Amino acid sequence: MPSVTSARPERSELANVGVIGQAPSTADEPGDGWRSRGEHAFAAMARSDSSLFIAKLEEAVLAESICVQLYDSLLDRAMHHHGNRAELVATFRQIRDEELAHVWTLIEALETVGVRARTALAEHPRTWGIAAQRVAQVLAQPDSTVPQCLHAMLIYELGEQAAWETLVTLVGAMGDDSWLRRFQAVLRDEQRHANTIKALLSRELPEA
């Protein structure tokens, strides 16, 4: 089984993962301290043939990679199509960066159980791709309003939140407190993202 310190996927290996396009740039990779010490517990999960857990990790890394790109689209709209809304730009950039951190957490988890992220992305191209396509279509329409874009993104964020709730339940069954804390932290991020988008949507909706 590969060590947790095995080589990270190259950009070319992670490209063309679905409807939205490419995985994060290698320029966005965290530094050498990005890996945790959860190898033994995760390796035990792999030895026990925990196919559901691994499948959910694979789906999540694709979902998070797509989410980064959706926020890139939102950033572009906020900067160029909606009058360079400084508050929206700052909010979308922060969420985008946090989603990117989630990608690398998931890649680390996958590599720890001996699954290359390239394989994961290749085997689950449609799980999140269909949902993402609908969101991307809204974001790509020049006449889409801010509330329409936020509503589309909220739907995707709620899906991610549900996916992380499942992952937290599964990793909790492992009995590995270190990884459980990390996954719970990501779930809190996702809950905050959904709440933030919901609050922005409420503010942007026209008064009756």
C-alpha atoms as a PDB file:
ATOM      1  CA  MET A   1       0.000   0.000   0.000  1.00  0.00           C
ATOM      2  CA  PRO A   2       1.403   3.402  -0.853  1.00  0.00           C
ATOM      3  CA  SER A   3       2.713   5.518   1.941  1.00  0.00           C
ATOM      4  CA  VAL A   4       0.942   8.716   2.889  1.00  0.00           C
ATOM      5  CA  THR A   5       4.032  10.483   1.611  1.00  0.00           C
ATOM      6  CA  SER A   6       3.604   9.123  -1.924  1.00  0.00           C
ATOM      7  CA  ALA A   7       3.849  11.588  -4.795  1.00  0.00           C
ATOM      8  CA  ARG A   8       0.947  13.940  -5.237  1.00  0.00           C
ATOM      9  CA  PRO A   9      -1.081  13.823  -8.450  1.00  0.00           C
ATOM     10  CA  GLU A  10       0.166  15.982 -11.265  1.00  0.00           C
ATOM     11  CA  ARG A  11      -2.113  18.609 -12.751  1.00  0.00           C
ATOM     12  CA  SER A  12      -2.309  16.584 -15.966  1.00  0.00           C
ATOM     13  CA  GLU A  13      -3.590  13.601 -13.992  1.00  0.00           C
ATOM     14  CA  LEU A  14      -6.370  15.623 -12.400  1.00  0.00           C
ATOM     15  CA  ALA A  15      -7.510  17.510 -15.489  1.00  0.00           C
ATOM     16  CA  ASN A  16     -10.773  16.968 -17.349  1.00  0.00           C
ATOM     17  CA  VAL A  17     -12.618  15.510 -14.392  1.00  0.00           C
ATOM     18  CA  GLY A  18     -16.145  16.420 -15.396  1.00  0.00           C
ATOM     19  CA  VAL A  19     -18.522  18.981 -16.765  1.00  0.00           C
ATOM     20  CA  ILE A  20     -16.855  21.938 -15.080  1.00  0.00           C
ATOM     21  CA  GLY A  21     -13.305  21.165 -16.128  1.00  0.00           C
ATOM     22  CA  GLN A  22     -10.049  21.010 -14.259  1.00  0.00           C
ATOM     23  CA  ALA A  23      -8.885  20.274 -10.768  1.00  0.00           C
ATOM     24  CA  PRO A  24      -6.915  22.852  -8.754  1.00  0.00           C
ATOM     25  CA  SER A  25      -3.678  24.226 -10.083  1.00  0.00           C
ATOM     26  CA  THR A  26      -0.502  22.836  -8.576  1.00  0.00           C
ATOM     27  CA  ALA A  27       0.312  26.430  -7.672  1.00  0.00           C
ATOM     28  CA  ASP A  28      -2.506  26.154  -5.137  1.00  0.00           C
ATOM     29  CA  GLU A  29      -1.050  23.109  -3.385  1.00  0.00           C
ATOM     30  CA  PRO A  30      -0.269  23.464   0.304  1.00  0.00           C
ATOM     31  CA  GLY A  31       3.287  23.125   1.509  1.00  0.00           C
ATOM     32  CA  ASP A  32       5.063  20.103   2.955  1.00  0.00           C
ATOM     33  CA  GLY A  33       3.115  20.295   6.208  1.00  0.00           C
ATOM     34  CA  TRP A  34      -0.180  19.451   4.555  1.00  0.00           C
ATOM     35  CA  ARG A  35      -0.253  15.773   5.565  1.00  0.00           C
ATOM     36  CA  SER A  36      -1.538  14.342   8.843  1.00  0.00           C
ATOM     37  CA  ARG A  37      -0.598  11.226  10.809  1.00  0.00           C
ATOM     38  CA  GLY A  38      -3.789   9.244  10.228  1.00  0.00           C
ATOM     39  CA  GLU A  39      -2.175   6.620   7.977  1.00  0.00           C
ATOM     40  CA  HIS A  40      -2.615   3.556  10.189  1.00  0.00           C
ATOM     41  CA  ALA A  41      -6.316   4.019  10.916  1.00  0.00           C
ATOM     42  CA  PHE A  42      -7.083   4.756   7.281  1.00  0.00           C
ATOM     43  CA  ALA A  43      -4.980   1.809   6.127  1.00  0.00           C
ATOM     44  CA  ALA A  44      -7.003  -0.386   8.457  1.00  0.00           C
ATOM     45  CA  MET A  45     -10.173   0.858   6.799  1.00  0.00           C
ATOM     46  CA  ALA A  46      -8.772  -0.096   3.398  1.00  0.00           C
ATOM     47  CA  ARG A  47      -7.787  -3.575   4.636  1.00  0.00           C
ATOM     48  CA  SER A  48     -11.317  -4.102   5.904  1.00  0.00           C
ATOM     49  CA  ASP A  49     -12.615  -3.373   2.374  1.00  0.00           C
ATOM     50  CA  SER A  50     -14.624  -0.339   3.408  1.00  0.00           C
ATOM     51  CA  SER A  51     -15.810   0.329  -0.104  1.00  0.00           C
ATOM     52  CA  LEU A  52     -18.562   2.750   0.921  1.00  0.00           C
ATOM     53  CA  PHE A  53     -16.160   5.014   2.805  1.00  0.00           C
ATOM     54  CA  ILE A  54     -13.670   5.066  -0.064  1.00  0.00           C
ATOM     55  CA  ALA A  55     -16.422   5.701  -2.609  1.00  0.00           C
ATOM     56  CA  LYS A  56     -17.659   8.669  -0.579  1.00  0.00           C
ATOM     57  CA  LEU A  57     -14.122  10.062  -0.407  1.00  0.00           C
ATOM     58  CA  GLU A  58     -13.831   9.710  -4.177  1.00  0.00           C
ATOM     59  CA  GLU A  59     -17.129  11.475  -4.766  1.00  0.00           C
ATOM     60  CA  ALA A  60     -16.209  14.247  -2.348  1.00  0.00           C
ATOM     61  CA  VAL A  61     -12.868  15.074  -3.975  1.00  0.00           C
ATOM     62  CA  LEU A  62     -14.636  15.534  -7.292  1.00  0.00           C
ATOM     63  CA  ALA A  63     -17.405  17.616  -5.709  1.00  0.00           C
ATOM     64  CA  GLU A  64     -14.910  19.885  -3.961  1.00  0.00           C
ATOM     65  CA  SER A  65     -12.771  20.293  -7.091  1.00  0.00           C
ATOM     66  CA  ILE A  66     -15.856  21.345  -9.020  1.00  0.00           C
ATOM     67  CA  CYS A  67     -16.882  23.693  -6.224  1.00  0.00           C
ATOM     68  CA  VAL A  68     -13.565  25.551  -6.468  1.00  0.00           C
ATOM     69  CA  GLN A  69     -14.271  26.207 -10.128  1.00  0.00           C
ATOM     70  CA  LEU A  70     -17.830  27.331  -9.445  1.00  0.00           C
ATOM     71  CA  TYR A  71     -16.515  29.902  -6.998  1.00  0.00           C
ATOM     72  CA  ASP A  72     -13.961  31.000  -9.584  1.00  0.00           C
ATOM     73  CA  SER A  73     -16.933  31.700 -11.851  1.00  0.00           C
ATOM     74  CA  LEU A  74     -18.721  33.577  -9.076  1.00  0.00           C
ATOM     75  CA  LEU A  75     -15.598  35.638  -8.471  1.00  0.00           C
ATOM     76  CA  ASP A  76     -15.411  36.524 -12.143  1.00  0.00           C
ATOM     77  CA  ARG A  77     -19.036  37.616 -12.157  1.00  0.00           C
ATOM     78  CA  ALA A  78     -18.639  39.662  -8.974  1.00  0.00           C
ATOM     79  CA  MET A  79     -15.593  41.435 -10.400  1.00  0.00           C
ATOM     80  CA  HIS A  80     -16.707  41.985 -13.986  1.00  0.00           C
ATOM     81  CA  HIS A  81     -20.458  41.557 -14.356  1.00  0.00           C
ATOM     82  CA  HIS A  82     -21.906  43.016 -11.184  1.00  0.00           C
ATOM     83  CA  GLY A  83     -19.932  46.211 -10.758  1.00  0.00           C
ATOM     84  CA  ASN A  84     -16.932  44.816  -8.845  1.00  0.00           C
ATOM     85  CA  ARG A  85     -18.814  44.194  -5.628  1.00  0.00           C
ATOM     86  CA  ALA A  86     -15.940  44.245  -3.114  1.00  0.00           C
ATOM     87  CA  GLU A  87     -17.824  42.438  -0.347  1.00  0.00           C
ATOM     88  CA  LEU A  88     -18.947  39.647  -2.654  1.00  0.00           C
ATOM     89  CA  VAL A  89     -15.448  39.300  -4.093  1.00  0.00           C
ATOM     90  CA  ALA A  90     -13.895  38.943  -0.631  1.00  0.00           C
ATOM     91  CA  THR A  91     -16.536  36.450   0.501  1.00  0.00           C
ATOM     92  CA  PHE A  92     -16.342  34.283  -2.610  1.00  0.00           C
ATOM     93  CA  ARG A  93     -12.538  34.285  -2.536  1.00  0.00           C
ATOM     94  CA  GLN A  94     -12.444  33.145   1.093  1.00  0.00           C
ATOM     95  CA  ILE A  95     -14.929  30.340   0.476  1.00  0.00           C
ATOM     96  CA  ARG A  96     -13.105  29.315  -2.697  1.00  0.00           C
ATOM     97  CA  ASP A  97      -9.804  29.024  -0.823  1.00  0.00           C
ATOM     98  CA  GLU A  98     -11.431  26.948   1.918  1.00  0.00           C
ATOM     99  CA  GLU A  99     -12.967  24.622  -0.669  1.00  0.00           C
ATOM    100  CA  LEU A 100      -9.516  24.190  -2.185  1.00  0.00           C
ATOM    101  CA  ALA A 101      -8.120  23.214   1.217  1.00  0.00           C
ATOM    102  CA  HIS A 102     -10.853  20.577   1.424  1.00  0.00           C
ATOM    103  CA  VAL A 103      -9.676  19.132  -1.897  1.00  0.00           C
ATOM    104  CA  TRP A 104      -6.181  18.542  -0.547  1.00  0.00           C
ATOM    105  CA  THR A 105      -7.515  17.055   2.687  1.00  0.00           C
ATOM    106  CA  LEU A 106      -9.486  14.553   0.634  1.00  0.00           C
ATOM    107  CA  ILE A 107      -6.554  13.767  -1.661  1.00  0.00           C
ATOM    108  CA  GLU A 108      -4.469  13.071   1.432  1.00  0.00           C
ATOM    109  CA  ALA A 109      -7.173  10.769   2.787  1.00  0.00           C
ATOM    110  CA  LEU A 110      -7.449   8.911  -0.515  1.00  0.00           C
ATOM    111  CA  GLU A 111      -3.713   8.432  -0.863  1.00  0.00           C
ATOM    112  CA  THR A 112      -3.544   7.144   2.701  1.00  0.00           C
ATOM    113  CA  VAL A 113      -5.864   4.273   1.788  1.00  0.00           C
ATOM    114  CA  GLY A 114      -3.942   3.664  -1.427  1.00  0.00           C
ATOM    115  CA  VAL A 115      -6.295   5.337  -3.912  1.00  0.00           C
ATOM    116  CA  ARG A 116      -4.862   7.736  -6.457  1.00  0.00           C
ATOM    117  CA  ALA A 117      -6.947  10.862  -6.880  1.00  0.00           C
ATOM    118  CA  ARG A 118      -6.701  10.418 -10.659  1.00  0.00           C
ATOM    119  CA  THR A 119      -8.541   7.088 -10.363  1.00  0.00           C
ATOM    120  CA  ALA A 120     -11.164   8.573  -8.077  1.00  0.00           C
ATOM    121  CA  LEU A 121     -11.888  11.419 -10.469  1.00  0.00           C
ATOM    122  CA  ALA A 122     -12.052   9.111 -13.471  1.00  0.00           C
ATOM    123  CA  GLU A 123     -14.527   6.722 -11.840  1.00  0.00           C
ATOM    124  CA  HIS A 124     -17.039   9.314 -10.613  1.00  0.00           C
ATOM    125  CA  PRO A 125     -17.363  11.793 -13.480  1.00  0.00           C
ATOM    126  CA  ARG A 126     -21.163  12.025 -13.384  1.00  0.00           C
ATOM    127  CA  THR A 127     -21.943  11.844  -9.671  1.00  0.00           C
ATOM    128  CA  TRP A 128     -21.601  15.590  -9.191  1.00  0.00           C
ATOM    129  CA  GLY A 129     -21.147  16.617 -12.791  1.00  0.00           C
ATOM    130  CA  ILE A 130     -24.849  16.789 -13.595  1.00  0.00           C
ATOM    131  CA  ALA A 131     -25.636  18.962 -10.582  1.00  0.00           C
ATOM    132  CA  ALA A 132     -22.637  21.157 -11.304  1.00  0.00           C
ATOM    133  CA  GLN A 133     -23.659  21.576 -14.929  1.00  0.00           C
ATOM    134  CA  ARG A 134     -26.932  23.185 -13.899  1.00  0.00           C
ATOM    135  CA  VAL A 135     -25.176  25.586 -11.550  1.00  0.00           C
ATOM    136  CA  ALA A 136     -22.528  26.404 -14.148  1.00  0.00           C
ATOM    137  CA  GLN A 137     -25.207  27.189 -16.724  1.00  0.00           C
ATOM    138  CA  VAL A 138     -26.746  29.773 -14.402  1.00  0.00           C
ATOM    139  CA  LEU A 139     -23.360  31.328 -13.649  1.00  0.00           C
ATOM    140  CA  ALA A 140     -22.457  31.458 -17.339  1.00  0.00           C
ATOM    141  CA  GLN A 141     -25.595  33.287 -18.438  1.00  0.00           C
ATOM    142  CA  PRO A 142     -24.756  36.992 -18.884  1.00  0.00           C
ATOM    143  CA  ASP A 143     -28.243  38.016 -17.794  1.00  0.00           C
ATOM    144  CA  SER A 144     -28.282  35.951 -14.587  1.00  0.00           C
ATOM    145  CA  THR A 145     -28.881  38.162 -11.570  1.00  0.00           C
ATOM    146  CA  VAL A 146     -26.957  38.020  -8.299  1.00  0.00           C
ATOM    147  CA  PRO A 147     -29.879  36.296  -6.514  1.00  0.00           C
ATOM    148  CA  GLN A 148     -30.118  33.698  -9.284  1.00  0.00           C
ATOM    149  CA  CYS A 149     -26.400  32.938  -9.030  1.00  0.00           C
ATOM    150  CA  LEU A 150     -26.541  32.722  -5.244  1.00  0.00           C
ATOM    151  CA  HIS A 151     -29.595  30.465  -5.339  1.00  0.00           C
ATOM    152  CA  ALA A 152     -27.858  28.062  -7.723  1.00  0.00           C
ATOM    153  CA  MET A 153     -24.735  28.033  -5.553  1.00  0.00           C
ATOM    154  CA  LEU A 154     -26.756  27.456  -2.387  1.00  0.00           C
ATOM    155  CA  ILE A 155     -28.232  24.283  -3.866  1.00  0.00           C
ATOM    156  CA  TYR A 156     -24.723  22.965  -4.563  1.00  0.00           C
ATOM    157  CA  GLU A 157     -23.448  23.952  -1.116  1.00  0.00           C
ATOM    158  CA  LEU A 158     -26.314  22.132   0.603  1.00  0.00           C
ATOM    159  CA  GLY A 159     -25.430  19.013  -1.374  1.00  0.00           C
ATOM    160  CA  GLU A 160     -21.820  19.278  -0.233  1.00  0.00           C
ATOM    161  CA  GLN A 161     -22.914  19.737   3.359  1.00  0.00           C
ATOM    162  CA  ALA A 162     -24.966  16.538   3.216  1.00  0.00           C
ATOM    163  CA  ALA A 163     -22.003  14.675   1.693  1.00  0.00           C
ATOM    164  CA  TRP A 164     -19.708  15.786   4.523  1.00  0.00           C
ATOM    165  CA  GLU A 165     -22.283  14.778   7.128  1.00  0.00           C
ATOM    166  CA  THR A 166     -22.095  11.263   5.682  1.00  0.00           C
ATOM    167  CA  LEU A 167     -18.284  11.314   5.709  1.00  0.00           C
ATOM    168  CA  VAL A 168     -18.204  12.453   9.346  1.00  0.00           C
ATOM    169  CA  THR A 169     -20.511   9.579  10.290  1.00  0.00           C
ATOM    170  CA  LEU A 170     -18.336   7.065   8.442  1.00  0.00           C
ATOM    171  CA  VAL A 171     -15.013   8.329   9.775  1.00  0.00           C
ATOM    172  CA  GLY A 172     -16.506   8.421  13.268  1.00  0.00           C
ATOM    173  CA  ALA A 173     -17.146   4.684  12.976  1.00  0.00           C
ATOM    174  CA  MET A 174     -13.404   4.201  12.401  1.00  0.00           C
ATOM    175  CA  GLY A 175     -12.583   5.412  15.888  1.00  0.00           C
ATOM    176  CA  ASP A 176      -9.808   7.700  14.633  1.00  0.00           C
ATOM    177  CA  ASP A 177     -10.197  10.927  16.596  1.00  0.00           C
ATOM    178  CA  SER A 178      -7.607  12.857  14.579  1.00  0.00           C
ATOM    179  CA  TRP A 179      -9.349  12.363  11.246  1.00  0.00           C
ATOM    180  CA  LEU A 180     -12.752  12.791  12.859  1.00  0.00           C
ATOM    181  CA  ARG A 181     -11.738  16.242  14.116  1.00  0.00           C
ATOM    182  CA  ARG A 182     -10.448  17.207  10.685  1.00  0.00           C
ATOM    183  CA  PHE A 183     -13.615  16.075   8.942  1.00  0.00           C
ATOM    184  CA  GLN A 184     -15.799  17.795  11.532  1.00  0.00           C
ATOM    185  CA  ALA A 185     -13.868  21.011  10.905  1.00  0.00           C
ATOM    186  CA  VAL A 186     -14.572  20.716   7.181  1.00  0.00           C
ATOM    187  CA  LEU A 187     -18.254  20.081   7.887  1.00  0.00           C
ATOM    188  CA  ARG A 188     -18.357  23.254   9.968  1.00  0.00           C
ATOM    189  CA  ASP A 189     -16.812  25.107   7.029  1.00  0.00           C
ATOM    190  CA  GLU A 190     -19.493  23.753   4.709  1.00  0.00           C
ATOM    191  CA  GLN A 191     -22.276  24.704   7.110  1.00  0.00           C
ATOM    192  CA  ARG A 192     -20.848  28.209   7.331  1.00  0.00           C
ATOM    193  CA  HIS A 193     -20.580  28.425   3.543  1.00  0.00           C
ATOM    194  CA  ALA A 194     -24.237  27.488   3.104  1.00  0.00           C
ATOM    195  CA  ASN A 195     -25.317  29.931   5.806  1.00  0.00           C
ATOM    196  CA  THR A 196     -23.229  32.705   4.252  1.00  0.00           C
ATOM    197  CA  ILE A 197     -24.678  32.179   0.783  1.00  0.00           C
ATOM    198  CA  LYS A 198     -28.178  31.985   2.266  1.00  0.00           C
ATOM    199  CA  ALA A 199     -27.662  35.279   4.104  1.00  0.00           C
ATOM    200  CA  LEU A 200     -26.332  36.960   0.963  1.00  0.00           C
ATOM    201  CA  LEU A 201     -29.297  35.650  -0.992  1.00  0.00           C
ATOM    202  CA  SER A 202     -31.772  37.019   1.547  1.00  0.00           C
ATOM    203  CA  ARG A 203     -30.071  40.400   1.405  1.00  0.00           C
ATOM    204  CA  GLU A 204     -29.970  40.524  -2.390  1.00  0.00           C
ATOM    205  CA  LEU A 205     -33.599  39.556  -2.958  1.00  0.00           C
ATOM    206  CA  PRO A 206     -35.761  42.551  -3.881  1.00  0.00           C
ATOM    207  CA  GLU A 207     -38.176  43.678  -1.224  1.00  0.00           C
ATOM    208  CA  ALA A 208     -41.822  42.827  -1.837  1.00  0.00           C
END
